[in-house]
């Protein structure tokens, strides 16, 4: 599957939000895409951008029924670009 067809299959709200779920301490899941890392949310953000998602979209990460962690567009780590 190419990046464009993968991206078009990721549901996101019309307001530019992608929803992901944090599972345990090391896993993040977003519509079939899974990442495992000591920092799974950042790994998911990188994977989404690599899959062709617009880096300006906001990523909301849920853990169970708790309120989401929201990551603004353009999130970066010093020395890295997502």
N, C-alpha and C. Protein backbone atom coordinates (compact mmCIF):
# COMPACT_ATOMS: atom_id res chain seq x y z
N UNK A 1 0.86 -1.17 0.00
CA UNK A 1 0.00 0.00 0.00
C UNK A 1 0.90 1.24 0.00
N UNK A 2 0.62 2.17 -0.90
CA UNK A 2 1.43 3.39 -0.93
C UNK A 2 0.97 4.37 0.14
N UNK A 3 1.79 5.39 0.39
CA UNK A 3 1.52 6.33 1.48
C UNK A 3 0.20 7.06 1.28
N UNK A 4 -0.12 7.45 0.05
CA UNK A 4 -1.35 8.21 -0.19
C UNK A 4 -2.59 7.37 0.12
N UNK A 5 -2.60 6.10 -0.32
CA UNK A 5 -3.78 5.29 -0.03
C UNK A 5 -3.87 4.97 1.46
N UNK A 6 -2.73 4.82 2.15
CA UNK A 6 -2.77 4.61 3.59
C UNK A 6 -3.34 5.85 4.28
N UNK A 7 -2.82 7.02 3.90
CA UNK A 7 -3.29 8.26 4.52
C UNK A 7 -4.77 8.48 4.28
N UNK A 8 -5.25 8.22 3.08
CA UNK A 8 -6.67 8.45 2.79
C UNK A 8 -7.55 7.51 3.60
N UNK A 9 -6.98 6.42 4.13
CA UNK A 9 -7.75 5.50 4.94
C UNK A 9 -7.76 5.84 6.42
N UNK A 10 -7.03 6.88 6.84
CA UNK A 10 -7.01 7.27 8.25
C UNK A 10 -8.13 8.27 8.49
N UNK A 11 -9.16 7.86 9.23
CA UNK A 11 -10.23 8.82 9.50
C UNK A 11 -9.71 9.97 10.36
N UNK A 12 -10.10 11.16 10.01
CA UNK A 12 -9.80 12.32 10.86
C UNK A 12 -10.97 13.27 10.76
N UNK A 13 -11.15 14.02 11.80
CA UNK A 13 -12.26 14.97 11.85
C UNK A 13 -12.04 16.07 10.83
N UNK A 14 -13.11 16.69 10.43
CA UNK A 14 -13.00 17.79 9.46
C UNK A 14 -12.18 18.94 10.02
N UNK A 15 -12.02 18.99 11.34
CA UNK A 15 -11.21 20.06 11.94
C UNK A 15 -9.73 19.70 12.00
N UNK A 16 -9.32 18.65 11.31
CA UNK A 16 -7.90 18.31 11.21
C UNK A 16 -7.33 17.60 12.41
N UNK A 17 -8.06 16.64 12.97
CA UNK A 17 -7.59 15.90 14.13
C UNK A 17 -7.51 14.41 13.79
N UNK A 18 -6.38 13.78 14.14
CA UNK A 18 -6.24 12.34 14.00
C UNK A 18 -6.26 11.76 15.41
N UNK A 19 -7.02 10.69 15.60
CA UNK A 19 -7.15 10.06 16.91
C UNK A 19 -6.29 8.80 16.98
N UNK A 20 -5.52 8.67 18.04
CA UNK A 20 -4.70 7.48 18.28
C UNK A 20 -4.97 7.00 19.70
N UNK A 21 -4.56 5.77 19.98
CA UNK A 21 -4.76 5.20 21.31
C UNK A 21 -3.43 4.69 21.86
N UNK A 22 -3.15 5.06 23.09
CA UNK A 22 -1.95 4.60 23.79
C UNK A 22 -2.31 3.31 24.52
N UNK A 23 -1.52 2.26 24.29
CA UNK A 23 -1.78 0.97 24.90
C UNK A 23 -0.57 0.61 25.75
N UNK A 24 -0.76 0.54 27.05
CA UNK A 24 0.35 0.27 27.95
C UNK A 24 1.33 1.43 27.94
N UNK A 25 2.59 1.12 28.15
CA UNK A 25 3.61 2.17 28.22
C UNK A 25 4.39 2.33 26.92
N UNK A 26 4.31 1.33 26.04
CA UNK A 26 5.20 1.32 24.89
C UNK A 26 4.52 1.22 23.53
N UNK A 27 3.20 1.13 23.48
CA UNK A 27 2.50 0.93 22.21
C UNK A 27 1.53 2.07 21.92
N UNK A 28 1.44 2.43 20.65
CA UNK A 28 0.44 3.41 20.19
C UNK A 28 -0.19 2.83 18.93
N UNK A 29 -1.51 2.99 18.79
CA UNK A 29 -2.25 2.45 17.66
C UNK A 29 -3.08 3.55 17.02
N UNK A 30 -3.08 3.58 15.70
CA UNK A 30 -3.87 4.57 14.98
C UNK A 30 -4.36 3.94 13.67
N UNK A 31 -5.60 3.45 13.69
CA UNK A 31 -6.25 2.92 12.49
C UNK A 31 -5.39 1.93 11.72
N UNK A 32 -4.87 0.92 12.44
CA UNK A 32 -4.09 -0.13 11.81
C UNK A 32 -2.59 0.08 11.83
N UNK A 33 -2.15 1.28 12.11
CA UNK A 33 -0.72 1.57 12.21
C UNK A 33 -0.34 1.46 13.68
N UNK A 34 0.69 0.62 13.98
CA UNK A 34 1.12 0.43 15.37
C UNK A 34 2.58 0.81 15.51
N UNK A 35 2.90 1.43 16.64
CA UNK A 35 4.30 1.73 16.95
C UNK A 35 4.61 1.21 18.35
N UNK A 36 5.85 0.77 18.52
CA UNK A 36 6.34 0.34 19.82
C UNK A 36 7.64 1.08 20.07
N UNK A 37 7.69 1.79 21.19
CA UNK A 37 8.85 2.62 21.48
C UNK A 37 8.78 3.07 22.94
N UNK A 38 9.91 3.47 23.53
CA UNK A 38 9.86 4.09 24.86
C UNK A 38 9.08 5.40 24.83
N UNK A 39 8.96 6.02 23.65
CA UNK A 39 8.14 7.23 23.47
C UNK A 39 7.18 6.96 22.30
N UNK A 40 6.14 6.16 22.57
CA UNK A 40 5.27 5.69 21.48
C UNK A 40 4.49 6.77 20.75
N UNK A 41 4.15 7.86 21.42
CA UNK A 41 3.39 8.92 20.76
C UNK A 41 4.27 9.64 19.73
N UNK A 42 5.50 9.93 20.08
CA UNK A 42 6.41 10.55 19.11
C UNK A 42 6.70 9.60 17.95
N UNK A 43 6.84 8.31 18.25
CA UNK A 43 7.04 7.32 17.19
C UNK A 43 5.82 7.29 16.26
N UNK A 44 4.61 7.41 16.82
CA UNK A 44 3.41 7.43 15.99
C UNK A 44 3.37 8.68 15.13
N UNK A 45 3.71 9.83 15.70
CA UNK A 45 3.72 11.06 14.91
C UNK A 45 4.68 10.93 13.73
N UNK A 46 5.85 10.37 13.98
CA UNK A 46 6.83 10.17 12.90
C UNK A 46 6.29 9.20 11.86
N UNK A 47 5.65 8.11 12.31
CA UNK A 47 5.11 7.11 11.38
C UNK A 47 3.99 7.69 10.53
N UNK A 48 3.14 8.53 11.13
CA UNK A 48 2.05 9.15 10.37
C UNK A 48 2.59 10.08 9.30
N UNK A 49 3.59 10.88 9.64
CA UNK A 49 4.18 11.78 8.66
C UNK A 49 4.86 10.97 7.56
N UNK A 50 5.57 9.90 7.93
CA UNK A 50 6.23 9.05 6.94
C UNK A 50 5.21 8.38 6.01
N UNK A 51 4.00 8.13 6.53
CA UNK A 51 2.94 7.50 5.73
C UNK A 51 2.21 8.52 4.86
N UNK A 52 2.58 9.78 4.95
CA UNK A 52 1.99 10.79 4.09
C UNK A 52 0.97 11.70 4.75
N UNK A 53 0.77 11.58 6.04
CA UNK A 53 -0.17 12.47 6.73
C UNK A 53 0.39 13.89 6.77
N UNK A 54 -0.49 14.83 6.70
CA UNK A 54 -0.11 16.24 6.76
C UNK A 54 0.38 16.54 8.19
N UNK A 55 1.62 16.99 8.34
CA UNK A 55 2.15 17.25 9.69
C UNK A 55 1.44 18.40 10.40
N UNK A 56 0.58 19.13 9.69
CA UNK A 56 -0.17 20.21 10.33
C UNK A 56 -1.42 19.71 11.05
N UNK A 57 -1.79 18.43 10.84
CA UNK A 57 -2.95 17.87 11.54
C UNK A 57 -2.61 17.65 13.01
N UNK A 58 -3.59 17.86 13.87
CA UNK A 58 -3.38 17.65 15.31
C UNK A 58 -3.58 16.17 15.62
N UNK A 59 -2.76 15.63 16.49
CA UNK A 59 -2.85 14.25 16.94
C UNK A 59 -3.38 14.24 18.36
N UNK A 60 -4.52 13.57 18.57
CA UNK A 60 -5.07 13.39 19.92
C UNK A 60 -4.87 11.94 20.31
N UNK A 61 -4.26 11.74 21.46
CA UNK A 61 -3.92 10.39 21.91
C UNK A 61 -4.71 10.09 23.17
N UNK A 62 -5.44 8.99 23.13
CA UNK A 62 -6.29 8.57 24.25
C UNK A 62 -5.69 7.36 24.93
N UNK A 63 -5.93 7.25 26.23
CA UNK A 63 -5.59 6.05 27.00
C UNK A 63 -6.86 5.68 27.75
N UNK A 64 -7.52 4.64 27.26
CA UNK A 64 -8.79 4.23 27.87
C UNK A 64 -9.82 5.33 27.76
N UNK A 65 -10.46 5.65 28.89
CA UNK A 65 -11.51 6.66 28.89
C UNK A 65 -11.05 8.02 29.41
N UNK A 66 -9.74 8.19 29.58
CA UNK A 66 -9.24 9.46 30.10
C UNK A 66 -9.26 10.52 28.99
N UNK A 67 -9.26 11.80 29.37
CA UNK A 67 -9.21 12.86 28.35
C UNK A 67 -7.95 12.72 27.50
N UNK A 68 -8.01 13.16 26.25
CA UNK A 68 -6.86 12.95 25.36
C UNK A 68 -5.70 13.89 25.64
N UNK A 69 -4.51 13.43 25.31
CA UNK A 69 -3.34 14.30 25.23
C UNK A 69 -3.39 14.87 23.82
N UNK A 70 -3.24 16.18 23.69
CA UNK A 70 -3.33 16.81 22.38
C UNK A 70 -1.97 17.34 21.97
N UNK A 71 -1.56 17.00 20.76
CA UNK A 71 -0.28 17.44 20.25
C UNK A 71 -0.54 18.36 19.08
N UNK A 72 -0.07 19.58 19.20
CA UNK A 72 -0.33 20.62 18.19
C UNK A 72 0.47 20.35 16.92
N UNK A 73 -0.02 20.88 15.82
CA UNK A 73 0.73 20.75 14.57
C UNK A 73 2.12 21.36 14.71
N UNK A 74 3.06 20.78 14.00
CA UNK A 74 4.42 21.31 14.01
C UNK A 74 5.21 20.89 15.23
N UNK A 75 4.70 19.92 16.00
CA UNK A 75 5.42 19.42 17.17
C UNK A 75 6.80 18.95 16.76
N UNK A 76 7.80 19.35 17.49
CA UNK A 76 9.15 18.89 17.17
C UNK A 76 9.94 18.67 18.44
N UNK A 77 10.94 17.86 18.29
CA UNK A 77 11.86 17.58 19.38
C UNK A 77 13.16 18.30 19.01
N UNK A 78 13.82 18.96 19.95
CA UNK A 78 15.05 19.68 19.60
C UNK A 78 16.01 18.79 18.80
N UNK A 79 16.42 19.29 17.65
CA UNK A 79 17.33 18.53 16.79
C UNK A 79 16.63 17.60 15.84
N UNK A 80 15.33 17.47 15.92
CA UNK A 80 14.58 16.58 15.04
C UNK A 80 13.40 17.33 14.43
N UNK A 81 13.01 16.90 13.27
CA UNK A 81 11.81 17.45 12.62
C UNK A 81 10.88 16.29 12.33
N UNK A 82 9.63 16.40 12.78
CA UNK A 82 8.68 15.31 12.56
C UNK A 82 8.13 15.37 11.16
